[in-house]
N, C-alpha and C. Protein backbone atom coordinates (compact mmCIF):
# COMPACT_ATOMS: atom_id res chain seq x y z
N UNK A 1 86.95 7.83 35.13
CA UNK A 1 86.20 7.88 34.08
C UNK A 1 86.46 5.91 33.56
N UNK A 2 87.67 5.35 33.57
CA UNK A 2 87.83 4.64 33.35
C UNK A 2 86.89 3.39 34.19
N UNK A 3 86.42 3.72 34.88
CA UNK A 3 85.82 2.78 35.55
C UNK A 3 83.91 2.96 35.14
N UNK A 4 83.91 4.12 34.24
CA UNK A 4 82.62 4.26 33.98
C UNK A 4 82.37 3.66 32.34
N UNK A 5 83.33 3.70 32.14
CA UNK A 5 83.46 3.19 30.56
C UNK A 5 83.60 1.60 30.98
N UNK A 6 84.57 1.22 31.53
CA UNK A 6 84.66 -0.73 32.21
C UNK A 6 82.76 -1.06 32.28
N UNK A 7 82.64 0.30 32.66
CA UNK A 7 80.86 -0.42 33.24
C UNK A 7 79.94 -0.21 32.42
N UNK A 8 80.51 0.50 31.57
CA UNK A 8 79.43 1.10 29.98
C UNK A 8 79.96 -0.61 29.25
N UNK A 9 80.97 -0.79 29.06
CA UNK A 9 80.65 -1.95 28.37
C UNK A 9 80.44 -3.21 28.83
N UNK A 10 80.30 -3.43 30.08
CA UNK A 10 79.77 -4.69 30.63
C UNK A 10 78.64 -4.92 30.29
N UNK A 11 77.49 -3.23 30.46
CA UNK A 11 76.12 -3.42 30.39
C UNK A 11 76.03 -3.19 28.56
N UNK A 12 76.35 -3.03 28.09
CA UNK A 12 76.30 -3.20 26.43
C UNK A 12 76.77 -4.79 26.03
N UNK A 13 77.61 -5.22 27.26
CA UNK A 13 78.70 -6.29 26.46
C UNK A 13 79.18 -6.56 24.95
N UNK A 14 80.32 -5.48 25.08
CA UNK A 14 80.71 -5.22 24.08
C UNK A 14 82.21 -4.51 24.72
N UNK A 15 83.32 -4.55 24.04
CA UNK A 15 84.70 -3.55 24.05
C UNK A 15 84.21 -2.71 23.44
N UNK A 16 84.64 -1.37 23.85
CA UNK A 16 84.35 -0.65 23.03
C UNK A 16 85.57 0.57 23.12
N UNK A 17 86.88 -0.14 24.02
CA UNK A 17 87.58 0.43 23.47
C UNK A 17 88.89 -0.63 23.82
N UNK A 18 90.18 -0.46 22.86
CA UNK A 18 91.37 -1.37 22.83
C UNK A 18 92.22 -0.83 23.53
N UNK A 19 92.48 -2.02 24.52
CA UNK A 19 93.36 -1.42 25.40
C UNK A 19 94.86 -1.73 25.20
N UNK A 20 95.40 -1.44 25.23
CA UNK A 20 97.08 -1.58 25.56
C UNK A 20 98.42 -1.28 26.11
N UNK A 21 99.24 -1.51 26.69
CA UNK A 21 100.16 -1.40 27.75
C UNK A 21 100.63 0.41 27.86
N UNK A 22 100.66 0.82 26.41
CA UNK A 22 100.64 2.68 26.39
C UNK A 22 99.80 3.46 25.31
N UNK A 23 98.50 2.38 25.23
CA UNK A 23 97.82 2.75 24.21
C UNK A 23 96.35 2.57 24.18
N UNK A 24 95.53 3.30 23.64
CA UNK A 24 94.47 3.58 23.84
C UNK A 24 93.73 3.82 22.54
N UNK A 25 92.44 2.65 21.96
CA UNK A 25 91.77 3.30 21.05
C UNK A 25 90.65 2.05 21.08
N UNK A 26 89.77 2.90 19.98
CA UNK A 26 88.03 2.66 19.74
C UNK A 26 88.35 1.46 19.17
N UNK A 27 87.50 0.34 19.28
CA UNK A 27 87.15 -0.51 18.83
C UNK A 27 86.19 -0.55 17.30
N UNK A 28 85.97 -1.07 16.42
CA UNK A 28 84.73 -0.93 15.38
C UNK A 28 83.84 -0.54 16.06
N UNK A 29 83.25 -1.70 16.99
CA UNK A 29 82.19 -1.31 17.75
C UNK A 29 81.88 0.38 18.24
N UNK A 30 83.51 0.08 18.98
CA UNK A 30 83.37 1.64 19.74
C UNK A 30 82.88 2.55 18.80
N UNK A 31 83.49 2.75 17.87
CA UNK A 31 83.62 4.14 16.71
C UNK A 31 82.43 4.29 16.06
N UNK A 32 81.36 3.13 16.43
CA UNK A 32 79.97 3.09 15.79
C UNK A 32 79.09 3.92 17.33
N UNK A 33 79.19 3.45 18.22
CA UNK A 33 79.25 3.92 19.24
C UNK A 33 79.51 5.41 19.76
N UNK A 34 80.49 5.60 19.10
CA UNK A 34 80.85 7.49 19.85
C UNK A 34 80.11 7.82 18.36
N UNK A 35 79.96 7.65 17.25
CA UNK A 35 79.03 8.27 16.13
C UNK A 35 77.33 8.42 16.38
N UNK A 36 76.97 7.33 17.27
CA UNK A 36 75.92 7.40 17.62
C UNK A 36 75.43 8.39 18.59
N UNK A 37 76.55 8.25 20.09
CA UNK A 37 76.13 8.85 20.85
C UNK A 37 76.12 10.59 20.39
N UNK A 38 77.12 10.75 19.48
CA UNK A 38 77.32 12.31 19.06
C UNK A 38 75.81 12.14 18.36
N UNK A 39 75.44 11.63 17.67
CA UNK A 39 74.26 12.17 17.02
C UNK A 39 73.09 12.58 18.17
N UNK A 40 72.92 11.63 18.79
CA UNK A 40 71.91 11.91 20.57
C UNK A 40 72.02 12.95 20.89
N UNK A 41 73.22 13.21 20.94
CA UNK A 41 73.80 14.55 21.67
C UNK A 41 73.09 15.87 20.86
N UNK A 42 73.28 15.70 19.60
CA UNK A 42 73.44 16.99 18.87
C UNK A 42 71.52 16.41 18.32
N UNK A 43 70.90 15.86 18.52
CA UNK A 43 69.26 15.89 18.55
C UNK A 43 68.98 16.35 19.78
N UNK A 44 69.59 15.88 20.93
CA UNK A 44 69.01 16.59 22.25
C UNK A 44 69.01 17.48 22.04
N UNK A 45 70.43 18.81 21.68
CA UNK A 45 70.78 20.06 21.16
C UNK A 45 69.36 20.44 20.58
N UNK A 46 68.89 19.41 19.99
CA UNK A 46 67.87 20.28 18.71
C UNK A 46 66.52 20.49 19.53
N UNK A 47 66.44 19.27 20.30
CA UNK A 47 65.26 19.42 21.09
C UNK A 47 65.04 20.51 21.77
N UNK A 48 66.29 20.89 22.49
CA UNK A 48 66.37 21.73 23.91
C UNK A 48 65.98 23.06 23.35
N UNK A 49 66.51 23.53 21.74
CA UNK A 49 66.44 24.86 20.97
C UNK A 49 64.82 25.11 20.70
N UNK A 50 64.18 23.68 20.23
CA UNK A 50 62.83 24.04 19.86
C UNK A 50 62.01 24.01 21.24
N UNK A 51 62.41 23.53 22.74
CA UNK A 51 61.58 23.97 23.91
C UNK A 51 61.95 25.65 23.75
N UNK A 52 62.94 25.59 23.98
CA UNK A 52 63.43 27.26 24.32
C UNK A 52 62.82 28.13 23.06
N UNK A 53 62.56 27.72 21.82
CA UNK A 53 61.60 28.63 20.88
C UNK A 53 60.42 28.33 21.05
N UNK A 54 59.77 27.84 22.06
CA UNK A 54 58.31 27.77 22.98
C UNK A 54 58.04 29.13 23.48
N UNK A 55 59.46 29.47 24.74
CA UNK A 55 58.94 30.80 24.97
C UNK A 55 59.65 31.84 24.30
N UNK A 56 59.99 31.75 23.44
CA UNK A 56 61.04 32.79 22.09
C UNK A 56 61.23 32.00 21.31
N UNK A 57 60.29 32.13 20.18
CA UNK A 57 60.37 31.90 18.93
C UNK A 57 61.60 32.17 17.75
N UNK A 58 61.88 33.60 18.89
CA UNK A 58 62.96 34.25 17.61
C UNK A 58 64.64 34.10 18.41
N UNK A 59 64.47 32.82 19.24
CA UNK A 59 66.16 31.87 19.43
C UNK A 59 66.39 30.98 18.19
N UNK A 60 67.38 31.02 18.10
CA UNK A 60 68.41 29.97 17.37
C UNK A 60 68.53 30.59 15.80
N UNK A 61 69.33 30.02 14.76
CA UNK A 61 69.71 30.89 13.74
C UNK A 61 68.56 31.28 13.00
N UNK A 62 68.72 32.38 12.32
CA UNK A 62 67.73 32.47 10.74
C UNK A 62 68.20 31.92 9.51
N UNK A 63 68.00 31.30 9.13
CA UNK A 63 68.40 31.03 7.98
C UNK A 63 68.08 31.34 6.69
N UNK A 64 68.79 32.17 6.05
CA UNK A 64 68.07 32.82 4.78
C UNK A 64 69.28 32.79 3.54
N UNK A 65 68.16 32.37 2.36
CA UNK A 65 68.52 32.14 1.22
C UNK A 65 68.64 33.40 0.53
N UNK A 66 69.09 33.48 -0.63
CA UNK A 66 69.53 34.79 -1.45
C UNK A 66 69.91 34.33 -2.83
N UNK A 67 69.32 34.58 -3.99
CA UNK A 67 70.10 34.49 -4.87
C UNK A 67 71.09 35.26 -5.07
N UNK A 68 71.91 34.42 -6.21
CA UNK A 68 73.35 34.69 -6.37
C UNK A 68 73.19 36.55 -6.87
N UNK A 69 72.54 36.78 -8.06
CA UNK A 69 72.40 37.90 -8.63
C UNK A 69 72.21 39.17 -7.33
N UNK A 70 71.23 38.90 -6.38
CA UNK A 70 71.14 40.02 -5.98
C UNK A 70 71.58 40.04 -3.91
N UNK A 71 72.45 39.05 -3.76
CA UNK A 71 72.98 38.62 -2.74
C UNK A 71 73.85 39.91 -2.48
N UNK A 72 74.95 40.01 -3.25
CA UNK A 72 75.97 41.10 -3.13
C UNK A 72 75.68 42.44 -3.22
N UNK A 73 74.20 42.69 -3.37
CA UNK A 73 74.27 44.07 -3.61
C UNK A 73 73.39 43.93 -2.34
N UNK A 74 72.38 43.29 -2.08
CA UNK A 74 71.60 43.19 -0.58
C UNK A 74 72.16 43.44 0.57
N UNK A 75 73.10 41.86 0.84
CA UNK A 75 73.75 41.54 1.85
C UNK A 75 74.21 42.81 2.85
N UNK A 76 75.16 43.51 1.85
CA UNK A 76 76.42 44.00 2.66
C UNK A 76 75.81 45.18 3.37
N UNK A 77 73.97 45.74 2.63
CA UNK A 77 73.15 46.76 3.61
C UNK A 77 72.16 46.16 4.03
N UNK A 78 71.45 44.87 4.54
CA UNK A 78 70.56 44.62 5.71
C UNK A 78 71.54 43.58 6.59
N UNK A 79 71.93 43.10 6.55
CA UNK A 79 73.15 42.30 7.65
C UNK A 79 72.79 43.02 8.89
N UNK A 80 73.72 44.09 8.84
CA UNK A 80 72.84 44.55 10.46
C UNK A 80 71.93 45.29 11.04
N UNK A 81 70.75 45.71 10.08
CA UNK A 81 69.68 45.55 10.54
C UNK A 81 68.84 44.47 10.67
N UNK A 82 69.16 43.47 10.52
CA UNK A 82 68.53 42.15 10.46
C UNK A 82 69.64 41.84 12.25
N UNK A 83 70.99 42.02 12.10
CA UNK A 83 71.50 41.48 13.52
C UNK A 83 70.77 42.70 14.56
N UNK A 84 70.48 43.87 14.06
CA UNK A 84 69.99 44.65 14.93
C UNK A 84 68.53 44.31 15.79
N UNK A 85 67.99 43.42 14.55
CA UNK A 85 66.65 43.48 14.90
C UNK A 85 66.21 41.95 15.74
N UNK A 86 67.17 41.63 15.17
CA UNK A 86 66.83 39.97 15.93
C UNK A 86 67.83 39.63 16.94
N UNK A 87 68.86 40.03 17.55
CA UNK A 87 70.17 39.69 18.10
C UNK A 87 70.47 38.23 18.49
N UNK A 88 69.69 37.84 18.87
CA UNK A 88 69.36 36.32 19.40
C UNK A 88 69.17 34.87 18.26
N UNK A 89 69.13 35.83 17.26
CA UNK A 89 68.84 34.99 15.62
C UNK A 89 69.94 35.08 14.63
N UNK A 90 71.44 34.25 15.35
CA UNK A 90 72.18 34.36 13.75
C UNK A 90 71.47 33.74 12.89
N UNK A 91 72.53 34.58 12.58
CA UNK A 91 72.07 34.99 10.45
C UNK A 91 73.24 33.98 9.61
N UNK A 92 72.31 32.51 9.22
CA UNK A 92 72.94 31.95 8.66
C UNK A 92 72.75 32.29 6.89
N UNK A 93 73.82 32.53 6.37
CA UNK A 93 73.21 32.75 4.44
C UNK A 93 73.71 31.54 3.75
N UNK A 94 72.93 31.61 2.54
CA UNK A 94 72.91 30.35 1.67
C UNK A 94 72.72 31.04 0.23
N UNK A 95 73.75 31.54 -0.11
CA UNK A 95 72.95 32.06 -1.67
C UNK A 95 73.12 30.59 -2.45
N UNK A 96 72.34 30.79 -3.70
CA UNK A 96 71.80 30.01 -4.11
C UNK A 96 71.13 29.87 -5.64
N UNK A 97 70.44 29.46 -6.35
CA UNK A 97 69.61 29.63 -6.90
C UNK A 97 68.03 29.88 -6.86
N UNK A 98 67.13 30.42 -7.34
CA UNK A 98 65.95 30.33 -7.23
C UNK A 98 64.98 29.18 -6.83
N UNK A 99 65.38 28.14 -7.47
CA UNK A 99 64.36 26.47 -7.53
C UNK A 99 65.11 26.06 -6.62
N UNK A 100 66.27 26.27 -6.06
CA UNK A 100 67.18 25.64 -5.39
C UNK A 100 66.62 26.17 -3.72
N UNK A 101 66.61 27.57 -3.82
CA UNK A 101 66.02 27.89 -2.52
C UNK A 101 65.52 28.22 -2.38
N UNK A 102 63.88 28.20 -2.88
CA UNK A 102 62.66 27.39 -2.78
C UNK A 102 62.24 25.73 -2.33
N UNK A 103 62.93 24.72 -2.71
CA UNK A 103 63.44 23.79 -2.60
C UNK A 103 63.67 23.59 -0.65
N UNK A 104 64.57 23.98 -0.62
CA UNK A 104 65.23 24.23 0.71
C UNK A 104 64.07 24.93 1.82
N UNK A 105 63.06 25.47 1.26
CA UNK A 105 62.51 26.60 2.03
C UNK A 105 61.48 25.34 2.36
N UNK A 106 60.89 24.66 1.28
CA UNK A 106 59.90 23.49 1.57
C UNK A 106 59.96 22.36 2.49
N UNK A 107 61.66 22.22 1.97
CA UNK A 107 62.07 21.21 2.98
C UNK A 107 62.87 21.50 4.54
N UNK A 108 62.41 22.67 4.61
CA UNK A 108 63.09 22.62 6.24
C UNK A 108 64.13 23.52 6.65
N UNK A 109 64.87 23.82 5.23
CA UNK A 109 66.61 23.50 5.62
C UNK A 109 66.90 25.26 5.87
N UNK A 110 65.77 25.82 5.00
CA UNK A 110 65.88 27.63 4.76
C UNK A 110 64.36 28.17 5.62
N UNK A 111 64.74 29.25 6.47
CA UNK A 111 63.89 29.74 7.12
C UNK A 111 62.58 30.74 6.17
N UNK A 112 64.06 31.40 5.48
CA UNK A 112 63.26 32.70 4.42
C UNK A 112 64.58 32.58 3.24
N UNK A 113 64.05 33.26 2.30
CA UNK A 113 64.37 33.27 1.08
C UNK A 113 64.32 34.30 0.22
N UNK A 114 65.21 34.72 -0.27
CA UNK A 114 64.83 36.56 -1.12
C UNK A 114 65.34 35.81 -2.64
N UNK A 115 64.18 35.63 -3.35
CA UNK A 115 64.42 34.95 -4.76
C UNK A 115 63.34 35.94 -5.55
N UNK A 116 64.07 35.38 -7.42
CA UNK A 116 63.58 36.48 -8.09
C UNK A 116 61.97 35.56 -8.67
N UNK A 117 61.19 36.17 -8.76
CA UNK A 117 59.78 35.62 -9.75
C UNK A 117 59.91 35.35 -11.14
N UNK A 118 59.58 34.74 -11.84
CA UNK A 118 57.95 33.71 -11.46
C UNK A 118 58.88 32.26 -10.88
N UNK A 119 57.83 32.00 -10.20
CA UNK A 119 58.27 30.89 -9.68
C UNK A 119 56.90 30.30 -8.86
N UNK A 120 57.08 28.93 -8.76
CA UNK A 120 55.58 28.51 -8.34
C UNK A 120 55.06 28.83 -7.18
N UNK A 121 54.16 29.85 -7.01
CA UNK A 121 53.74 30.17 -5.82
C UNK A 121 53.24 29.34 -4.34
N UNK A 122 52.73 28.33 -4.32
CA UNK A 122 52.47 27.37 -3.71
C UNK A 122 53.41 27.27 -2.72
N UNK A 123 53.17 26.97 -1.00
CA UNK A 123 54.17 26.72 -0.57
C UNK A 123 54.00 27.94 0.56
N UNK A 124 55.37 28.29 0.40
CA UNK A 124 55.86 29.57 1.20
C UNK A 124 54.96 31.17 1.00
N UNK A 125 54.53 31.48 2.61
CA UNK A 125 54.01 33.07 1.83
C UNK A 125 55.09 34.30 1.09
N UNK A 126 54.58 34.94 0.59
CA UNK A 126 55.81 35.57 -0.04
C UNK A 126 55.25 37.05 0.06
N UNK A 127 56.13 38.03 -0.10
CA UNK A 127 55.72 39.42 -0.20
C UNK A 127 56.78 40.05 -0.81
N UNK A 128 56.12 41.04 -1.81
CA UNK A 128 57.07 41.78 -2.81
C UNK A 128 58.07 42.80 -1.87
N UNK A 129 59.05 42.55 -2.51
CA UNK A 129 60.16 43.40 -1.45
C UNK A 129 60.13 44.89 -2.31
N UNK A 130 60.43 44.85 -3.55
CA UNK A 130 60.63 46.12 -4.41
C UNK A 130 60.06 45.94 -5.39
N UNK A 131 60.02 46.63 -6.45
CA UNK A 131 59.39 46.32 -8.42
C UNK A 131 60.12 46.20 -8.74
N UNK A 132 61.07 45.83 -8.12
CA UNK A 132 61.76 43.99 -9.24
C UNK A 132 61.22 43.19 -9.35
N UNK A 133 61.84 42.16 -10.02
CA UNK A 133 60.72 40.39 -9.34
C UNK A 133 61.30 39.80 -8.86
N UNK A 134 61.40 40.27 -7.34
CA UNK A 134 62.28 40.00 -5.95
C UNK A 134 60.72 39.94 -4.87
N UNK A 135 60.96 39.09 -4.61
CA UNK A 135 60.06 38.14 -2.51
C UNK A 135 60.35 37.98 -2.23
N UNK A 136 59.89 37.91 -0.99
CA UNK A 136 60.39 37.31 0.23
C UNK A 136 59.66 36.29 0.81
N UNK A 137 60.08 34.58 0.61
CA UNK A 137 59.26 33.93 0.96
C UNK A 137 59.98 33.36 1.90
N UNK A 138 58.92 32.85 3.41
CA UNK A 138 59.08 32.59 4.48
C UNK A 138 58.07 31.16 4.42
N UNK A 139 59.13 30.16 5.34
CA UNK A 139 58.42 28.61 5.08
C UNK A 139 57.24 28.76 6.21
N UNK A 140 55.80 28.15 5.61
CA UNK A 140 54.65 28.39 6.17
C UNK A 140 54.46 27.58 7.61
N UNK A 141 55.09 26.39 7.88
CA UNK A 141 55.73 25.48 9.17
C UNK A 141 56.08 26.49 10.31
N UNK A 142 56.64 27.91 10.26
CA UNK A 142 56.96 28.64 10.85
C UNK A 142 56.27 30.02 11.46
N UNK A 143 54.57 29.51 10.80
CA UNK A 143 53.66 30.65 10.60
C UNK A 143 53.68 31.21 11.82
N UNK A 144 54.02 30.83 13.29
CA UNK A 144 54.42 32.05 14.71
C UNK A 144 55.11 32.93 14.69
N UNK A 145 56.59 32.75 14.03
CA UNK A 145 56.91 33.53 13.56
C UNK A 145 57.33 34.25 12.47
N UNK A 146 56.72 33.68 10.87
CA UNK A 146 57.20 34.14 9.66
C UNK A 146 56.64 35.55 9.05
N UNK A 147 55.69 35.90 10.28
CA UNK A 147 55.53 37.11 9.97
C UNK A 147 56.18 38.42 10.49
N UNK A 148 56.98 37.56 11.44
CA UNK A 148 58.32 38.75 12.05
C UNK A 148 59.34 38.42 11.00
N UNK A 149 59.58 37.77 10.96
CA UNK A 149 60.40 37.59 9.78
C UNK A 149 60.42 38.01 8.78
N UNK A 150 59.37 37.91 7.84
CA UNK A 150 59.38 38.92 7.09
C UNK A 150 59.09 40.25 7.31
N UNK A 151 58.88 40.71 8.46
CA UNK A 151 58.87 42.37 8.75
C UNK A 151 60.27 42.97 8.88
N UNK A 152 60.76 41.79 9.76
CA UNK A 152 62.39 42.02 9.74
C UNK A 152 63.21 42.52 8.38
N UNK A 153 62.70 41.53 7.78
CA UNK A 153 63.77 41.95 6.16
C UNK A 153 63.14 42.64 5.92
N UNK A 154 62.01 42.92 5.74
CA UNK A 154 60.94 44.00 4.76
C UNK A 154 62.05 45.29 5.22
N UNK A 155 61.87 45.53 6.97
CA UNK A 155 62.29 46.66 7.47
C UNK A 155 63.99 47.06 7.03
N UNK A 156 64.39 45.35 6.94
CA UNK A 156 65.75 45.72 6.66
C UNK A 156 66.30 46.52 5.07
N UNK A 157 65.20 46.20 4.36
CA UNK A 157 65.27 46.68 3.07
C UNK A 157 64.91 47.95 2.57
N UNK A 158 63.89 48.28 3.28
CA UNK A 158 63.40 49.88 3.63
C UNK A 158 64.28 50.75 3.77
N UNK A 159 65.17 50.42 5.05
CA UNK A 159 66.38 51.06 5.53
C UNK A 159 67.17 51.03 4.59
N UNK A 160 67.29 50.44 3.95
CA UNK A 160 68.82 50.17 3.04
C UNK A 160 68.70 51.11 1.65
N UNK A 161 66.81 51.07 1.44
CA UNK A 161 66.70 51.62 0.09
C UNK A 161 65.94 52.81 0.02
N UNK A 162 64.86 53.17 1.27
CA UNK A 162 64.52 54.13 1.63
C UNK A 162 65.24 55.62 2.41
């Protein structure tokens, strides 16, 4: 490994590690290079997930936002149904206010959200869940699986309440 690191230092024409007789530490440039390498690995993993989703759009996490007031009531009832319906999609929950969840849907940091009406209906597609003013909103950019995600969550809710 030390030969590979030395070769990398020569190739980059910079010292990555400070070497002392019984201690090795990163130089300031080395710290920045390690941070950049970690970022590259993270982005590479995201690229692999995107490629994998090309063959199975239901791989990867399902990032679900739910408003504070309904989360404690709905989550215990729907989590198991969602896990059973899409076992390859780990559920990542985010409790927040409707306006924050809606913004996260629009910027792509959430896949779906259970929201309270009224809200600006432009952007995510949405489906009423029941006679309360709650709807499910799904990011339009993931249209290829948004209908399936909506149906899974609706099915989960129906099993809980009907």
